[in-house]
Structures are given as structure tokens and as C-alpha cells.
Amino acid sequence: MKKYLREIEISGLILVIIGIVCSWIWGANFGMWPCLVGLFLWLITFLYKAFHWNEYARENKQNIMILLIAIIILILQMIIRL
């Protein structure tokens, strides 16, 4: 698993980007599935690195910051749409 972490993470990122672009072009329902699969792949790598904290401490801190920023952006979008 360790040697494939980077490939899984990049694949997840690419799928999220594809899902975002598809949702802009064809609507949210169509773009949701690639985003969902991409986020699931990213979650797998996130959890693996979390269980091996000492080995991936720097990357884990970056992932936590990215996750917090994403949550803040989603909350702001929800507030703005109300």
C-alpha cells in the first residue's frame, strides 16, 4: 500500500477536479459521482497516513489544514446561499 499512496492520492485529486468541472458544465448531479469517488480515494490515503502518524507527520498536518480550509469554504458557501 505504501508505494501506491501517491498514485491513489493523485487519482483522487484528478477525479475531484473532473467532478467539479463536470458539475459546472452539466450540473451538480453529474459531477457528484467523480467527486465522491475522488474524495473516497483521498480519504483512504488520509486514514492510512493518520494510522502511521510518525512516518507522515508533516503531510498529515498539511492534510488537516486543507481539510479545515475546505470545511470553512463549504460553510461560507452555505451561508452565502441562504
Protein backbone atom coordinates (compact mmCIF):
# COMPACT_ATOMS: atom_id res chain seq x y z
CA MET A 1 0.00 0.00 0.00
CA LYS A 2 2.81 2.37 0.91
CA LYS A 3 4.28 2.52 -2.59
CA TYR A 4 0.90 3.30 -4.15
CA LEU A 5 -0.17 6.09 -1.78
CA ARG A 6 0.95 8.91 -4.07
CA GLU A 7 -0.81 7.41 -7.10
CA ILE A 8 -4.04 6.92 -5.16
CA GLU A 9 -3.88 10.47 -3.83
CA ILE A 10 -3.23 11.99 -7.27
CA SER A 11 -6.02 9.88 -8.80
CA GLY A 12 -8.42 11.14 -6.17
CA LEU A 13 -7.40 14.74 -6.79
CA ILE A 14 -7.87 14.36 -10.54
CA LEU A 15 -11.31 12.82 -10.05
CA VAL A 16 -12.34 15.68 -7.75
CA ILE A 17 -11.23 18.23 -10.35
CA ILE A 18 -13.09 16.34 -13.09
CA GLY A 19 -16.20 16.25 -10.89
CA ILE A 20 -16.02 19.98 -10.22
CA VAL A 21 -15.65 20.77 -13.92
CA CYS A 22 -18.50 18.39 -14.82
CA SER A 23 -20.76 19.98 -12.22
CA TRP A 24 -20.04 23.44 -13.66
CA ILE A 25 -20.76 22.26 -17.21
CA TRP A 26 -23.57 19.70 -16.88
CA GLY A 27 -24.93 20.21 -13.38
CA ALA A 28 -24.31 19.04 -9.84
CA ASN A 29 -25.86 15.59 -10.23
CA PHE A 30 -23.45 14.59 -12.97
CA GLY A 31 -20.34 15.97 -11.25
CA MET A 32 -21.16 14.48 -7.87
CA TRP A 33 -20.01 10.93 -8.69
CA PRO A 34 -16.43 11.64 -9.78
CA CYS A 35 -16.08 13.97 -6.77
CA LEU A 36 -17.42 11.29 -4.45
CA VAL A 37 -15.00 8.65 -5.76
CA GLY A 38 -12.10 11.11 -5.64
CA LEU A 39 -12.86 12.10 -2.07
CA PHE A 40 -13.13 8.44 -1.09
CA LEU A 41 -9.68 7.74 -2.58
CA TRP A 42 -8.27 10.74 -0.74
CA LEU A 43 -9.91 9.51 2.47
CA ILE A 44 -8.16 6.15 2.10
CA THR A 45 -4.74 7.79 1.90
CA PHE A 46 -5.66 10.22 4.70
CA LEU A 47 -6.59 7.38 7.04
CA TYR A 48 -3.52 5.31 6.16
CA LYS A 49 -1.25 8.25 6.89
CA ALA A 50 -3.14 9.01 10.11
CA PHE A 51 -2.52 5.49 11.40
CA HIS A 52 1.18 5.87 10.53
CA TRP A 53 1.49 9.35 12.07
CA ASN A 54 5.21 9.29 12.88
CA GLU A 55 6.15 8.49 9.30
CA TYR A 56 3.80 11.06 7.70
CA ALA A 57 3.60 13.79 10.37
CA ARG A 58 4.33 16.71 8.04
CA GLU A 59 1.88 15.54 5.37
CA ASN A 60 -0.78 14.87 7.99
CA LYS A 61 -0.55 18.45 9.24
CA GLN A 62 -0.92 19.72 5.67
CA ASN A 63 -3.92 17.45 5.08
CA ILE A 64 -5.58 18.67 8.25
CA MET A 65 -5.11 22.30 7.18
CA ILE A 66 -6.50 21.57 3.70
CA LEU A 67 -9.48 19.81 5.25
CA LEU A 68 -10.19 22.72 7.62
CA ILE A 69 -9.96 25.24 4.78
CA ALA A 70 -12.33 23.13 2.66
CA ILE A 71 -14.83 22.93 5.54
CA ILE A 72 -14.67 26.70 6.06
CA ILE A 73 -15.24 27.30 2.33
CA LEU A 74 -18.24 24.95 2.31
CA ILE A 75 -19.74 26.63 5.36
CA LEU A 76 -19.25 30.07 3.81
CA GLN A 77 -20.93 28.90 0.60
CA MET A 78 -23.88 27.58 2.58
CA ILE A 79 -24.21 30.89 4.45
CA ILE A 80 -23.98 32.94 1.26
CA ARG A 81 -26.71 30.89 -0.47
CA LEU A 82 -29.14 31.43 2.40
